[in-house]
Structure formats: structure tokens, C-alpha cells
Amino acid sequence: MSGLQSAANIPELRRRIIFTLLMLAIYRMGVQIPTPGINGEALTAFFEQSSNTLFGMFNMFSGGALENFSIFALGIMPYISASIIIQLLTVVIPQLETLKKEGEAGRRKITQYTRYGTIGLSIIQGTFIAMGLEGMAAPGGEAIVLDPGMEFKLMTMLTLTSGTAFLMWLGEQMTERGIGNGISMIIFAGIVARGPAAIANSVQLVKAGEIAIFFVPFLLIFMFAVIGTIVFFETSQRRIPIQYAKRVVGRKVYGGQSSHLPLKINVSGVIPPIFASSIMMFPATVGSFIQIDWVQQVSAALSPGTVWYYIVFVAMVVFFCFFYTAIQFKPDDVAENLKKNGGFIPGIRPGKKTADFIDKVLTRITVVGAIYLSTVCVLPTILISQFNIPFYFGGTALLIVVGVGIDVISRVESHLAMRNYEGFMKQGRIRGRS
């Protein structure tokens, strides 16, 4: 609280916070603007029976925009998908890897490619969504699209693509002029906006007697325990000691100090749960469209709450943890940079031995991170399916909310530290020797 009070007294930080809040307010207003040509009541009825499919997942990340089929129905997911695709391609295409190492100019070029990819994915997704909506109907048989045809497809594709492009620009503005990463803040706002409705639903279940009143305190304690666990693992590090050799240049001695190489327990972040959830929801999505016996059996076997769902989901989370960590962190490059700067790990020979040691440590902590991610993501599904508890405080959504919250707090603290340092330099008087 003292940090928040200090933030309100710093003009620049106060402007950044106000700008961020205004941009988020614009985003939430856009979520309420519907795309023309849609029967809202029929679409709402359709989403009520599709909560466990890909539609439900995308609706969560879009903050309810897909359920309302607003101009922001695609949300920021095309941008995230394009960013992940570009990161994967940097491993395959040497030109992109070279751009990544060129500093600020290379990053700007990669950002430009990401924008083009976002627009391309938005056009494809918008077109297929428009085509799919024309063939969908509410449970009562009522059509979702009022006037299907080429005009509806073109208008929907342009509207959704423009909405995603605007959100991409909004996120970049928030990153530059606000607090925190703008894209993450948009996802954060979309998830948090659905919190009050979830809490109200829980209260209604308690009033109806479906949840015992004496069980509520235990649920609240469990909720805070899960949040505390996420904060602990997201801020945990394995610090490898680094020693720099002394170098004599002329009359000056450089190096000789000690440092450390911090390795996060969860290097891959929320990417593995997002990928795993998307893949696991495909059978349920396909099963809702194709009425074939074996398709329905596979869909039922891989639906949330079944043993096969937990096994396959955990296996995918573990696989994507190792896969994405291998892409994000390269021990060979770290060992080479240490060798160039005269750094070494005590007791480990520089070069290949250092890379092998870092890779061994990284593998071990990735195992811990994968177990942590799997537990947090599977937990709400078990509570809902086995104990009929409306547990909205776990899974990928909570990982994103807590991660973004930690990032925002750290950035505010950085601004406060910078402000205090500048104030000390301005107020202090440094006198030279007379």
C-alpha cells in the first residue's frame, strides 16, 4: 500500500497508470459493441452448451467478446499465435535468427513480421468463423446469422480483422506509454472482467444449498493457498554462481567480481497450458459438429473429468514445457557469452562443459516447473467434475492473472526505485577535493 501511495505522488508514473486504465476502459467498451447481422439470443444459447470446447476457451481469453460476438470477438489471440509462430520459425529459418541477434533494428523487423502475421491469421480466422456461424443454430433450432451470404462473410471478416488490428495497436501503445506489457494487460482485463459473474454464480449456488455454507471458508483458504503457490513458483529462481576473471588493461584492473545466472523455475510461462488446452478441446469441438459414433466416443473419452483427459493433458503440458524452454533458452549461447566476457562457473570448465552443466540444471528445474503447471491447471477441472465445486481460481486464467500482476508490481517498483535514485542525485551535494 505504501508503494501505491508513492506511485500516486510521482507525476510520470501516475500518468502511465491513468493511461493504462483509459486504454483498458476503451477495450471493455469495444467488447460490448456487437458485430452486425448476428442473433444475440441464439448465440448466447449456443455458447451456454459450448463452454467446454475451443469456443469457451477463446471466449475466456477475449473477455466475453466472442460470446457477444463483438468487434473484438477474435481478441488478441491472433497476435499471440503470430508471435509464437515467429519465435518457432527463428529456430528453423537462419535469417530470422540473424535478425533476432541484430539488436533493436532486428527486433523492429521481427515485430513488423508479427503484425503482418496477425493480420493474415485474423483474415483466415474471421472468414472461417463467418462461414461456421452460417451453419450453426441455437439448441432450439433458431439461426444465429440473420441474413447469411457473401455480404455477411465479407463484413464479418473485415470487422473482426479491424478489431484485432486495433487491439494490437492498443496493446503496443499501452506497452510504450503505460505500465506493463500491453498485450498481457488486455488478456488480464478480459479474464478479470468475468470474475464478478463467477463470484455471483458461486453465491447463488450457496443460497440454493448446492454448496454447504460451512464449506465456503475452506474454499477461500484453498483459493489463497493456490494463489500463494503460483506466486512462489513464478518468482522462484535457481541461481548459478558466476565468477569473472581479473583482467589488467594498462593501469586498471577489470573483473574479479562475483555474480549469478538466474534460471526461472517456470521458463516457458503460460504457453504450455495454452497449447495443451487448445489441443485437448479439439475433440469436444469436433464432436459438437460431427455426429459419428467413433467421433463421439473419442470426444467423450477426452472430455474434461475423464482419466484419459488428465493423462493426455499432463503429458502435453510436460512436452510443451521442455519444447518451449529449449526454444527460449540456449545453454550453448549462454556458455559462449560467459567465455567471451571472462566468466566461468566455479568448478566447471568454460565452453562445452559449462553448456552441459547449465543444460543439466535447466532440465531438472523444468521437471519441477512442469509438475507445478500440470497441478495448477488440472486442479480446477478435478474440483468441478469430481466435487461439483465452481472453482474459478485455478488453471491457465489464474496463471495469466498472477503473472501479469507480478510483472506490473515489479515495473512500478522499478519506477519508484529510479525516482528515488534521481531524487537522491538531485538533492545530494558532491564536493570535490580542494
Protein backbone atom coordinates (compact mmCIF):
# COMPACT_ATOMS: atom_id res chain seq x y z
CA MET A 1 0.00 0.00 0.00
CA SER A 2 2.90 2.36 0.69
CA GLY A 3 4.13 1.65 -2.84
CA LEU A 4 0.74 2.59 -4.30
CA GLN A 5 0.71 5.82 -2.29
CA SER A 6 4.20 6.65 -3.54
CA ALA A 7 3.14 5.88 -7.12
CA ALA A 8 0.29 8.41 -6.85
CA ASN A 9 2.80 11.12 -5.89
CA ILE A 10 5.03 10.62 -8.94
CA PRO A 11 3.64 12.53 -11.99
CA GLU A 12 5.13 10.29 -14.69
CA LEU A 13 4.04 7.06 -13.00
CA ARG A 14 0.61 8.50 -12.31
CA ARG A 15 0.21 9.41 -16.00
CA ARG A 16 1.22 5.91 -17.05
CA ILE A 17 -1.28 4.28 -14.70
CA ILE A 18 -4.12 6.59 -15.81
CA PHE A 19 -3.25 5.96 -19.48
CA THR A 20 -3.33 2.20 -18.91
CA LEU A 21 -6.72 2.39 -17.19
CA LEU A 22 -8.16 4.53 -20.01
CA MET A 23 -6.95 2.10 -22.67
CA LEU A 24 -8.45 -0.83 -20.77
CA ALA A 25 -11.74 1.09 -20.47
CA ILE A 26 -11.76 1.58 -24.26
CA TYR A 27 -11.16 -2.15 -24.70
CA ARG A 28 -14.03 -3.08 -22.39
CA MET A 29 -16.35 -0.67 -24.20
CA GLY A 30 -15.46 -2.26 -27.53
CA VAL A 31 -16.32 -5.70 -26.13
CA GLN A 32 -19.93 -4.52 -25.79
CA ILE A 33 -20.25 -3.38 -29.44
CA PRO A 34 -21.79 -6.30 -31.40
CA THR A 35 -20.93 -7.28 -34.95
CA PRO A 36 -23.91 -6.61 -37.30
CA GLY A 37 -26.02 -9.46 -38.63
CA ILE A 38 -25.97 -11.72 -35.52
CA ASN A 39 -28.91 -13.02 -33.49
CA GLY A 40 -27.63 -12.29 -29.97
CA GLU A 41 -30.07 -14.51 -28.08
CA ALA A 42 -29.38 -17.54 -30.27
CA LEU A 43 -25.62 -17.00 -29.97
CA THR A 44 -25.82 -16.80 -26.16
CA ALA A 45 -27.80 -20.05 -26.05
CA PHE A 46 -25.20 -21.72 -28.29
CA PHE A 47 -22.29 -20.69 -26.05
CA GLU A 48 -24.05 -22.00 -22.95
CA GLN A 49 -23.72 -25.53 -24.33
CA SER A 50 -20.22 -24.99 -25.78
CA SER A 51 -18.39 -23.87 -22.64
CA ASN A 52 -16.05 -26.92 -22.68
CA THR A 53 -14.96 -26.51 -26.31
CA LEU A 54 -12.49 -24.23 -28.06
CA PHE A 55 -15.21 -21.58 -28.21
CA GLY A 56 -15.32 -21.48 -24.42
CA MET A 57 -11.55 -21.10 -24.18
CA PHE A 58 -11.37 -18.31 -26.76
CA ASN A 59 -14.33 -16.63 -25.09
CA MET A 60 -12.40 -16.61 -21.80
CA PHE A 61 -9.30 -15.01 -23.33
CA SER A 62 -11.41 -12.44 -25.20
CA GLY A 63 -13.17 -11.40 -22.00
CA GLY A 64 -16.63 -12.44 -23.24
CA ALA A 65 -16.22 -10.68 -26.60
CA LEU A 66 -16.72 -13.91 -28.55
CA GLU A 67 -19.88 -14.75 -26.62
CA ASN A 68 -21.28 -11.31 -27.51
CA PHE A 69 -19.65 -11.60 -30.95
CA SER A 70 -18.44 -8.03 -30.64
CA ILE A 71 -15.97 -6.24 -32.89
CA PHE A 72 -13.22 -7.64 -30.62
CA ALA A 73 -14.50 -11.22 -30.89
CA LEU A 74 -11.12 -12.57 -32.06
CA GLY A 75 -9.43 -10.79 -29.18
CA ILE A 76 -5.66 -10.63 -29.13
CA MET A 77 -5.19 -14.37 -29.74
CA PRO A 78 -4.14 -13.94 -33.42
CA TYR A 79 -1.31 -11.68 -32.27
CA ILE A 80 -0.20 -14.22 -29.66
CA SER A 81 -0.38 -17.03 -32.22
CA ALA A 82 1.65 -14.98 -34.73
CA SER A 83 4.26 -14.18 -32.05
CA ILE A 84 4.63 -17.85 -31.13
CA ILE A 85 4.89 -18.86 -34.80
CA ILE A 86 7.62 -16.26 -35.42
CA GLN A 87 9.53 -17.49 -32.35
CA LEU A 88 9.34 -21.06 -33.60
CA LEU A 89 10.45 -20.01 -37.08
CA THR A 90 13.57 -18.30 -35.68
CA VAL A 91 14.86 -21.79 -34.87
CA VAL A 92 14.19 -23.06 -38.40
CA ILE A 93 14.96 -20.01 -40.58
CA PRO A 94 18.55 -18.69 -40.22
CA GLN A 95 17.59 -15.21 -41.50
CA LEU A 96 15.15 -14.71 -38.62
CA GLU A 97 17.71 -15.91 -36.11
CA THR A 98 20.19 -13.39 -37.53
CA LEU A 99 17.60 -10.61 -37.22
CA LYS A 100 16.99 -11.57 -33.59
CA LYS A 101 20.69 -11.02 -32.84
CA GLU A 102 20.89 -7.62 -34.57
CA GLY A 103 19.57 -5.68 -31.59
CA GLU A 104 16.86 -3.03 -31.79
CA ALA A 105 16.72 -2.88 -35.60
CA GLY A 106 16.26 -6.64 -35.83
CA ARG A 107 13.55 -6.63 -33.15
CA ARG A 108 11.64 -3.94 -35.04
CA LYS A 109 11.78 -6.05 -38.20
CA ILE A 110 10.53 -9.13 -36.32
CA THR A 111 7.73 -7.04 -34.79
CA GLN A 112 6.74 -5.95 -38.29
CA TYR A 113 6.58 -9.57 -39.44
CA THR A 114 4.47 -10.38 -36.37
CA ARG A 115 2.00 -7.64 -37.30
CA TYR A 116 1.67 -8.97 -40.83
CA GLY A 117 1.14 -12.46 -39.46
CA THR A 118 -1.53 -11.16 -37.08
CA ILE A 119 -3.49 -9.59 -39.92
CA GLY A 120 -3.18 -12.74 -42.03
CA LEU A 121 -4.36 -15.00 -39.20
CA SER A 122 -7.22 -12.61 -38.41
CA ILE A 123 -8.42 -12.70 -42.02
CA ILE A 124 -8.33 -16.52 -42.06
CA GLN A 125 -10.00 -16.93 -38.67
CA GLY A 126 -12.60 -14.25 -39.39
CA THR A 127 -13.55 -15.90 -42.67
CA PHE A 128 -13.88 -19.37 -41.17
CA ILE A 129 -15.85 -18.06 -38.19
CA ALA A 130 -18.27 -16.29 -40.53
CA MET A 131 -18.69 -19.48 -42.58
CA GLY A 132 -19.16 -21.55 -39.43
CA LEU A 133 -21.75 -19.21 -37.94
CA GLU A 134 -23.91 -19.52 -41.02
CA GLY A 135 -24.24 -23.26 -40.40
CA MET A 136 -24.82 -23.02 -36.65
CA ALA A 137 -28.09 -22.81 -34.77
CA ALA A 138 -29.19 -22.44 -31.18
CA PRO A 139 -30.35 -25.54 -29.22
CA GLY A 140 -33.92 -24.61 -30.15
CA GLY A 141 -33.10 -24.56 -33.87
CA GLU A 142 -33.01 -20.76 -34.19
CA ALA A 143 -30.46 -19.49 -36.74
CA ILE A 144 -27.53 -17.45 -35.39
CA VAL A 145 -26.97 -15.44 -38.60
CA LEU A 146 -29.92 -13.28 -39.59
CA ASP A 147 -29.02 -12.81 -43.28
CA PRO A 148 -26.33 -15.28 -44.47
CA GLY A 149 -24.44 -14.74 -47.69
CA MET A 150 -21.26 -13.32 -49.18
CA GLU A 151 -22.02 -9.85 -47.80
CA PHE A 152 -22.17 -11.22 -44.25
CA LYS A 153 -18.90 -13.15 -44.67
CA LEU A 154 -17.04 -10.12 -46.05
CA MET A 155 -18.43 -7.72 -43.45
CA THR A 156 -17.67 -10.11 -40.57
CA MET A 157 -14.14 -10.80 -41.79
CA LEU A 158 -13.35 -7.07 -42.14
CA THR A 159 -14.94 -6.22 -38.80
CA LEU A 160 -13.10 -8.90 -36.83
CA THR A 161 -9.77 -8.20 -38.56
CA SER A 162 -10.09 -4.47 -37.88
CA GLY A 163 -10.94 -5.17 -34.25
CA THR A 164 -7.85 -7.34 -33.76
CA ALA A 165 -5.64 -4.77 -35.52
CA PHE A 166 -6.99 -2.07 -33.20
CA LEU A 167 -6.33 -4.23 -30.13
CA MET A 168 -2.79 -4.88 -31.38
CA TRP A 169 -2.21 -1.12 -31.70
CA LEU A 170 -3.83 -0.55 -28.30
CA GLY A 171 -1.52 -3.08 -26.68
CA GLU A 172 1.57 -1.51 -28.24
CA GLN A 173 0.51 1.93 -27.01
CA MET A 174 0.00 0.57 -23.50
CA THR A 175 3.44 -1.06 -23.56
CA GLU A 176 5.08 2.20 -24.66
CA ARG A 177 3.12 4.73 -22.58
CA GLY A 178 1.53 2.67 -19.83
CA ILE A 179 2.51 0.15 -17.16
CA GLY A 180 3.33 -3.43 -18.05
CA ASN A 181 3.06 -5.35 -21.29
CA GLY A 182 0.01 -4.09 -23.19
CA ILE A 183 -0.95 -7.42 -24.77
CA SER A 184 -0.79 -9.16 -21.39
CA MET A 185 -2.84 -6.38 -19.80
CA ILE A 186 -5.60 -6.85 -22.39
CA ILE A 187 -5.80 -10.58 -21.65
CA PHE A 188 -5.64 -9.80 -17.93
CA ALA A 189 -8.56 -7.37 -18.18
CA GLY A 190 -10.63 -9.86 -20.17
CA ILE A 191 -10.17 -12.61 -17.59
CA VAL A 192 -10.71 -10.38 -14.55
CA ALA A 193 -13.87 -8.89 -16.10
CA ARG A 194 -15.53 -12.31 -15.86
CA GLY A 195 -14.65 -12.67 -12.18
CA PRO A 196 -17.70 -10.88 -10.72
CA ALA A 197 -20.10 -13.11 -12.68
CA ALA A 198 -18.27 -16.22 -11.43
CA ILE A 199 -18.45 -15.00 -7.83
CA ALA A 200 -22.16 -14.17 -8.20
CA ASN A 201 -22.77 -17.67 -9.56
CA SER A 202 -20.99 -19.19 -6.56
CA VAL A 203 -23.13 -17.10 -4.19
CA GLN A 204 -26.28 -18.29 -5.94
CA LEU A 205 -25.18 -21.93 -5.54
CA VAL A 206 -24.60 -21.35 -1.82
CA LYS A 207 -28.05 -19.77 -1.45
CA ALA A 208 -29.64 -22.66 -3.36
CA GLY A 209 -28.00 -25.14 -1.00
CA GLU A 210 -25.90 -26.86 -3.68
CA ILE A 211 -22.76 -25.81 -1.77
CA ALA A 212 -22.74 -26.15 2.02
CA ILE A 213 -22.20 -22.83 3.79
CA PHE A 214 -19.58 -24.30 6.15
CA PHE A 215 -17.51 -25.34 3.12
CA VAL A 216 -17.06 -21.72 1.89
CA PRO A 217 -14.24 -20.78 4.37
CA PHE A 218 -12.26 -23.86 3.32
CA LEU A 219 -12.75 -22.91 -0.32
CA LEU A 220 -11.45 -19.38 0.34
CA ILE A 221 -8.42 -20.72 2.22
CA PHE A 222 -7.75 -23.12 -0.63
CA MET A 223 -8.06 -20.29 -3.15
CA PHE A 224 -5.44 -18.16 -1.38
CA ALA A 225 -3.18 -21.20 -0.99
CA VAL A 226 -3.28 -21.79 -4.77
CA ILE A 227 -2.53 -18.11 -5.47
CA GLY A 228 0.35 -18.19 -2.98
CA THR A 229 1.75 -21.32 -4.63
CA ILE A 230 1.64 -19.66 -8.05
CA VAL A 231 3.38 -16.53 -6.74
CA PHE A 232 6.05 -18.68 -5.09
CA PHE A 233 6.86 -20.69 -8.22
CA GLU A 234 6.64 -17.73 -10.62
CA THR A 235 9.19 -15.78 -8.57
CA SER A 236 11.47 -18.74 -7.74
CA GLN A 237 14.91 -18.95 -9.31
CA ARG A 238 17.86 -21.33 -9.40
CA ARG A 239 20.90 -19.08 -9.20
CA ILE A 240 24.11 -20.48 -10.67
CA PRO A 241 27.19 -18.65 -9.28
CA ILE A 242 29.36 -16.89 -11.86
CA GLN A 243 32.92 -15.70 -11.27
CA TYR A 244 34.68 -13.24 -13.59
CA ALA A 245 38.44 -13.43 -14.04
CA LYS A 246 40.60 -10.37 -13.40
CA ARG A 247 41.98 -8.57 -16.42
CA VAL A 248 44.69 -5.92 -16.36
CA VAL A 249 44.35 -3.24 -19.06
CA GLY A 250 47.05 -0.63 -18.70
CA ARG A 251 46.98 0.50 -15.08
CA LYS A 252 43.38 -0.60 -14.46
CA VAL A 253 42.11 -3.98 -13.26
CA TYR A 254 38.78 -5.18 -14.64
CA GLY A 255 36.61 -8.09 -13.48
CA GLY A 256 37.18 -10.23 -10.46
CA GLN A 257 33.63 -9.78 -9.16
CA SER A 258 31.07 -12.49 -8.44
CA SER A 259 27.59 -12.69 -9.93
CA HIS A 260 24.96 -15.32 -10.66
CA LEU A 261 22.93 -16.67 -13.56
CA PRO A 262 19.23 -16.73 -12.59
CA LEU A 263 17.16 -19.57 -14.06
CA LYS A 264 13.41 -19.38 -13.53
CA ILE A 265 11.61 -22.48 -12.37
CA ASN A 266 8.92 -21.85 -14.99
CA VAL A 267 10.86 -20.63 -18.03
CA SER A 268 8.05 -21.37 -20.52
CA GLY A 269 5.38 -19.30 -18.70
CA VAL A 270 1.76 -19.98 -19.65
CA ILE A 271 2.49 -21.17 -23.19
CA PRO A 272 2.35 -24.94 -22.37
CA PRO A 273 -1.11 -24.78 -20.70
CA ILE A 274 -2.49 -22.67 -23.55
CA PHE A 275 -1.21 -25.08 -26.21
CA ALA A 276 -2.31 -28.15 -24.26
CA SER A 277 -5.78 -26.71 -23.56
CA SER A 278 -6.26 -25.81 -27.22
CA ILE A 279 -5.36 -29.30 -28.40
CA MET A 280 -7.45 -31.04 -25.72
CA MET A 281 -10.53 -29.01 -26.65
CA PHE A 282 -10.38 -30.02 -30.31
CA PRO A 283 -12.13 -33.41 -29.75
CA ALA A 284 -15.04 -31.76 -27.91
CA THR A 285 -15.30 -29.10 -30.63
CA VAL A 286 -15.26 -31.67 -33.44
CA GLY A 287 -17.75 -33.84 -31.55
CA SER A 288 -20.23 -30.98 -31.38
CA PHE A 289 -20.31 -30.80 -35.21
CA ILE A 290 -19.80 -34.41 -36.39
CA GLN A 291 -22.41 -36.93 -35.24
CA ILE A 292 -20.44 -40.15 -35.92
CA ASP A 293 -20.24 -42.90 -33.31
CA TRP A 294 -16.46 -43.24 -33.08
CA VAL A 295 -16.01 -39.45 -33.10
CA GLN A 296 -18.50 -39.13 -30.26
CA GLN A 297 -16.70 -41.88 -28.32
CA VAL A 298 -13.31 -40.19 -28.69
CA SER A 299 -14.86 -36.84 -27.74
CA ALA A 300 -16.43 -38.37 -24.63
CA ALA A 301 -13.20 -40.16 -23.63
CA LEU A 302 -11.17 -36.93 -23.86
CA SER A 303 -13.76 -34.66 -22.26
CA PRO A 304 -12.79 -32.84 -19.01
CA GLY A 305 -13.22 -35.05 -15.97
CA THR A 306 -12.15 -38.35 -17.53
CA VAL A 307 -8.95 -40.22 -16.70
CA TRP A 308 -7.69 -40.07 -20.30
CA TYR A 309 -8.18 -36.30 -20.33
CA TYR A 310 -5.92 -35.87 -17.29
CA ILE A 311 -3.26 -38.24 -18.65
CA VAL A 312 -3.06 -36.69 -22.12
CA PHE A 313 -3.31 -33.12 -20.80
CA VAL A 314 -0.46 -33.58 -18.29
CA ALA A 315 1.68 -35.29 -20.95
CA MET A 316 1.15 -32.35 -23.33
CA VAL A 317 1.94 -29.77 -20.64
CA VAL A 318 5.21 -31.58 -19.82
CA PHE A 319 6.12 -31.87 -23.53
CA PHE A 320 5.46 -28.18 -24.27
CA CYS A 321 7.37 -27.12 -21.14
CA PHE A 322 10.53 -28.83 -22.40
CA PHE A 323 9.91 -27.85 -26.02
CA TYR A 324 9.35 -24.15 -25.39
CA THR A 325 12.16 -23.95 -22.82
CA ALA A 326 14.54 -25.40 -25.43
CA ILE A 327 13.49 -22.66 -27.84
CA GLN A 328 13.66 -19.80 -25.34
CA PHE A 329 16.90 -20.68 -23.54
CA LYS A 330 20.04 -21.91 -25.30
CA PRO A 331 22.79 -23.10 -22.93
CA ASP A 332 25.40 -23.09 -25.72
CA ASP A 333 24.87 -19.36 -26.36
CA VAL A 334 25.00 -18.57 -22.62
CA ALA A 335 28.23 -20.54 -22.19
CA GLU A 336 29.78 -18.81 -25.20
CA ASN A 337 28.86 -15.35 -23.89
CA LEU A 338 30.31 -16.18 -20.48
CA LYS A 339 33.54 -17.35 -22.10
CA LYS A 340 33.84 -14.16 -24.18
CA ASN A 341 33.36 -11.96 -21.10
CA GLY A 342 35.82 -13.90 -18.95
CA GLY A 343 33.13 -15.50 -16.78
CA PHE A 344 33.04 -19.06 -15.55
CA ILE A 345 31.15 -21.28 -13.13
CA PRO A 346 33.40 -22.29 -10.20
CA GLY A 347 34.48 -25.90 -10.63
CA ILE A 348 33.22 -26.11 -14.23
CA ARG A 349 35.49 -25.74 -17.26
CA PRO A 350 34.39 -22.96 -19.70
CA GLY A 351 32.88 -23.90 -23.05
CA LYS A 352 31.20 -27.25 -23.66
CA LYS A 353 31.35 -28.35 -20.01
CA THR A 354 29.61 -25.13 -18.90
CA ALA A 355 26.86 -25.59 -21.51
CA ASP A 356 26.31 -29.19 -20.37
CA PHE A 357 26.12 -28.13 -16.72
CA ILE A 358 23.59 -25.36 -17.45
CA ASP A 359 21.53 -27.74 -19.58
CA LYS A 360 21.52 -30.33 -16.76
CA VAL A 361 20.35 -27.76 -14.20
CA LEU A 362 17.75 -26.38 -16.61
CA THR A 363 16.36 -29.87 -17.25
CA ARG A 364 15.94 -30.53 -13.55
CA ILE A 365 14.13 -27.29 -12.77
CA THR A 366 11.95 -27.70 -15.89
CA VAL A 367 10.72 -31.01 -14.45
CA VAL A 368 9.66 -29.14 -11.30
CA GLY A 369 8.06 -26.39 -13.38
CA ALA A 370 6.13 -28.90 -15.49
CA ILE A 371 4.77 -30.64 -12.38
CA TYR A 372 3.73 -27.28 -10.96
CA LEU A 373 1.97 -26.19 -14.17
CA SER A 374 0.20 -29.54 -14.55
CA THR A 375 -1.06 -29.48 -10.97
CA VAL A 376 -2.39 -25.91 -11.14
CA CYS A 377 -4.10 -26.47 -14.50
CA VAL A 378 -5.68 -29.83 -13.67
CA LEU A 379 -6.84 -28.72 -10.22
CA PRO A 380 -9.96 -26.73 -11.25
CA THR A 381 -11.10 -29.48 -13.62
CA ILE A 382 -10.91 -32.08 -10.84
CA LEU A 383 -12.78 -29.87 -8.39
CA ILE A 384 -15.54 -29.10 -10.87
CA SER A 385 -16.02 -32.62 -12.27
CA GLN A 386 -15.46 -34.73 -9.14
CA PHE A 387 -16.71 -32.49 -6.33
CA ASN A 388 -19.12 -30.19 -8.20
CA ILE A 389 -17.32 -27.12 -6.89
CA PRO A 390 -17.41 -23.97 -9.05
CA PHE A 391 -13.69 -23.36 -8.65
CA TYR A 392 -12.76 -20.32 -10.76
CA PHE A 393 -9.42 -19.70 -9.09
CA GLY A 394 -7.09 -22.05 -10.93
CA GLY A 395 -5.91 -23.08 -14.35
CA THR A 396 -4.44 -21.07 -17.18
CA ALA A 397 -6.55 -17.99 -16.39
CA LEU A 398 -5.16 -17.64 -12.88
CA LEU A 399 -1.60 -18.23 -14.11
CA ILE A 400 -2.01 -15.31 -16.51
CA VAL A 401 -3.65 -13.04 -13.92
CA VAL A 402 -0.99 -13.67 -11.26
CA GLY A 403 1.87 -13.46 -13.77
CA VAL A 404 0.68 -10.13 -15.15
CA GLY A 405 0.09 -8.82 -11.62
CA ILE A 406 3.65 -9.69 -10.60
CA ASP A 407 5.01 -8.03 -13.75
CA VAL A 408 3.05 -4.81 -13.12
CA ILE A 409 4.18 -4.64 -9.48
CA SER A 410 7.82 -5.14 -10.48
CA ARG A 411 7.57 -2.35 -13.08
CA VAL A 412 6.01 0.03 -10.56
CA GLU A 413 8.80 -0.77 -8.11
CA SER A 414 11.37 -0.11 -10.85
CA HIS A 415 9.88 3.33 -11.49
CA LEU A 416 9.86 4.06 -7.75
CA ALA A 417 13.50 2.99 -7.40
CA MET A 418 14.50 5.12 -10.40
CA ARG A 419 12.63 8.11 -8.98
CA ASN A 420 14.25 7.75 -5.56
CA TYR A 421 17.69 7.39 -7.15
CA GLU A 422 17.20 10.52 -9.27
CA GLY A 423 15.91 12.42 -6.27
CA PHE A 424 18.98 11.42 -4.27
CA MET A 425 21.31 12.55 -7.06
CA LYS A 426 19.50 15.89 -7.38
CA GLN A 427 19.39 16.60 -3.65
CA GLY A 428 22.86 15.32 -2.79
CA ARG A 429 25.89 17.58 -2.99
CA ILE A 430 29.08 16.02 -4.17
CA ARG A 431 32.09 18.09 -3.23
CA GLY A 432 35.44 17.62 -4.86
CA ARG A 433 38.77 17.72 -3.08
CA SER A 434 40.06 21.22 -2.52
